[in-house]
Each structure stands twice: as C-alpha cells, then as structure tokens.
Amino acid sequence: MTVARSPRALVPVLVFVGTVVAVISSLGAPLVPAIAETMRTTLPSAQWSLTATLLVGAVATPVVGRLGDGPHRRGVVLAVLAVVTLGGVLAALPLGLGWLIAGRALQGVGLGLTPLAMATAREALEGPRSRSTIAALSVTVVSGVGLGYPLAGLVAELGGVHAAFWAGAGVSLAALLACAAVLPPSTAAPRGRLDVVGALLLGAGVAGLLFALGQVEAWGWASPLLWALAAGSAVALGAWVVWERRTTWPLVDLRLARGRPARTAHAAALLVGLSNYLLLTAVPVLAQAPASDGAGFGTSIVVAGLVLLPFSAASVLGGRLARLLADRAGRHVVLPVAAAVQGAAFVLFALLRTDLWQLFVVMAVAGLGVGASFAAFPALVVSAVPPSETGSAMSLNQVLRYVGFALGSALTATVLAAATPSGAGAPAAGGYTTLAVVGVAACATTAVVAWLGLGRRSSPDRPADAAARSGQLSAR
C-alpha cells in the first residue's frame, strides 16, 4: 500500500473531485430552457447539452476505470480533469450550440472519476479513514448534484448561461491543480489493455439509439430512416454484448453478471436511471415555463434549481432508510419498496401541478425512492462475485445507470416537443402528464422485475454478503 504523504489534504481533495463530478454532470439540467432561449433553438436541441454529457459518461466510465486501474492512475485523473476543464471552456465560449454540446460531451468524461477517487482512497489511506472517505465520496455523488442545481442557476441568473459554464471550468481547473499537488502515485499492477472495440460499439449503439429517439418528432414514427437507425443501434449493441463475452480484456465484463440478484440489479439500474431523469429534466422545464401558457410557473433559473434540491437531500436519507429496511426485512424488499416510492412521486406529479410547492414535494418523494434504489444495487451485484472482482462487477451497473439517465433525458425532450403546440414557446400540460404515466409504468416494471428476481428465491444472507451489504449501503 502506498500511503499518502499528506492524508489530511488528500481526503478533502478527493471529496472535492467527487463534488466536481456531481456538479458538472448536473450542470445542464436547470439551464436547458435558458440555453434554448439564448441559442434561439428548440428544447429538444438544447436538451442535448445534458444528454451528451450522460452519453459520454456511460462510455467513459469503464474506459477511464480501465486506464486508471494500474500504475498510471494519477496521470489519468489529471488528464481527465484537463479534458473536463477544456470542455467547460468550449461550452462557455459564445461559439454556438454545436460547440456548447461538444464541450458538454467532453465534460462527460469526468463522470468516470468517482471510481478512481474511491480506488485512491482505498490504496492511499488506512483503516477507518479509508472507509469514511469512500463513504463520503458515495454521498457526495448525490449531495453534489443538489448543490450544483441552485449554484448553476444563480450564476446563470447573474451572468447568463455562458457564465455558468465558465464557473464550471474554473471549478474543474481548481480540482486539477489540487490533485496535481496532493494525489499520490499508484503502485497497483496494470490489469490489461483497453478494449477499444468494445468502447466504439457501446458508444455507437447508445448514441444511435438516443439520436433516433431525439428525431422522432422531426422524422415521424413512420420514417424508414428512423427505424434503420434504431435497427443499426440494436445491431451495434448486440455486437457489443457478443464481443464483451468473448474478448480477453472486456471493457465491461458481462460474464460477471451472473446470478439472479446481479441480473435483477442491472435491469433495475437501467429502469431507475431512465425514470429518474424523466423528472430531473422535466421539472426544471415546467418550473421555468411561462405561467401564461397554463402549465408553467414562470420561475427563474435559481428557483428551478432550488426545486431540485429536495431530491438530493432525500436521496441521502433514502440510502440510510434502505439500510434499515434491508437489516429488518431483507435486502430483497428494498428495490420493490423503492420503486413503489418513486412511482408515488410520478403519481403526485400527474395529479398535483397547480402550486410550486408541490414540485418540491414531488422531488423529495422521488429522491427517497432513487436513493434507496442506488443504495441497494451494490450489495446485490457483489453478492455473486469474489471481492477481487467487485469493481468489474459494478462497472456494468454504473454503465446501465448512465445509459438510463441518457435515455430518460432524450425521452423527456421527445415527449415535451410533441406536446408543444405549433408556435408556442412551452409544452402543454398533457406532455407532463404523459411523462408521469411513462414514469409510473417504468417504476411498476422495476418493482415487478425486482420482486420476481429477488422475492421468491431469496435466501438468508451469507456472512460475506451481509458484510458487503452493510458496507455498501452505509456508503450511501
């Protein structure tokens, strides 16, 4: 083990990196309506400022993990932070929507930093300090999102959309300088070469699917080009699965997705990620939509960001409640209950949109469900693999979660675009109701999948599984 020469400085720097990742990943959500207005474009086009970040994050997470899983971890962290900073600068410069989306895509590379920060804490710190730092990083992933929403809104309100991205670039630059000063070198042995083919197939498949989903309104459901693109994406994803199962050094080791608990957790991660971003992207649009159109509240970007703050706070609480529920009723109960709570948030969203305070309640209830789900995934995934394969097993779950995020973001843009009357500047109320129905269906599917996958054949936890559950859930 390589012990950091300044562990007191290392811990806050690692937590700072985790916060930067969370803030950068969420920076686009409350800014989408303002980006559309500033760039004189449509909401679906502006939505790519968020979707592109999540799409790149889905591919970058295993790539960055593989590159940093060895003696070059310090250099990889610094290089990724440099890319994130460059992306922030590109998004901040007044070069047009295309450059802004390109910059946001570069920032998506930073979503792969949190696992490297955890690996650094595990290797460079000792005993309780290592465990507490990893737990803090896990919580930061959620709490940092809530911090990023209102801060991004405040900066954008005072200085415009580009000012928010300048602020993001400045924060990521500060993280780069801090890591350069205190991040210790790693002595871990390299784990194999990078799976370039797997990264290309995964990126092409997911990107094609998202682009097809985003073009539904423009091309129409009957468009041959739309279905050809969707079919091509399906072929690319199928080829990715075949390649990952056969190659010696897979980008994501699908062979570790064994056992019903792990398969259930992976399917639920995709569904929870999708339903999660239906609300995270729709609520800021609704909050900022003109009240004169009958569906919106006409709030500022700051208020729209504050509406999302209860989500992060409740997510942390949901993670803690999930641990209590797992200890008392069994871990097989957590995911169905969490899906039901998240589904209740969509029911509230469908029925209660007359007052702004109701959006705060909706997001708080959603946060409880999402936080509990995210807390349940690690123990389910690692229960079927030895400790040495924990990181690889969790990689697939993380990828599916980000793919779900990106799908939810793109689907929201498509539904709201279809619900926007010709010549109107904001979606009609029916669009939000449609998203609520889709969200309820996704949550119901999650609950059924979790119950069938875990409820009927659950067995008492083995000692190793119980320890894994306790450690993973406490990290939330």
Foldseek 3Di string as FASTA:
>chain_A
DAAFPCVVLLLVLLLLLLLLLLLLLLLQQLCLLQCCVVQVHASLLSLLLNLLLLLLLLLLQLQLVQVLQAQCVLVSLLVLLVQLLVLLLQLLDPPHSVSVSVSSNSNSNSSNCLVSSLVQLVQHDDDPSSLVSLLSSLLSNLLSNLVNQLVSLVQCVVPNNSSSSNVSSVSSVVSSVSSVVGRDGDHGHRDDDGDPLLSVLSSQLLVLCLVLLLCCVVQPPPHPVSVVSNVVSVVSVVVSVVCLPPDPDHSFNPVLCDALLSVLLLVLLLLLLQLLLLLSNVQSQQACFDCVLVRHNNDGSNVSSNLLNLLSVLLLVLLVVLLVCCVPPNLLVQQLVLLVQLLVLLVLQLPDRPDSVSSSVSSNSNSNSSSSSVLSSLLSQCLRDDPVCSVSSCSSSVSSNSSSNSNNSSNLSSLQVVQADVPHRGGHNVSSNVSSVVSNVSSVVSSVSSCVSDVPPPDDDDPVSVVRSVSSSSSD
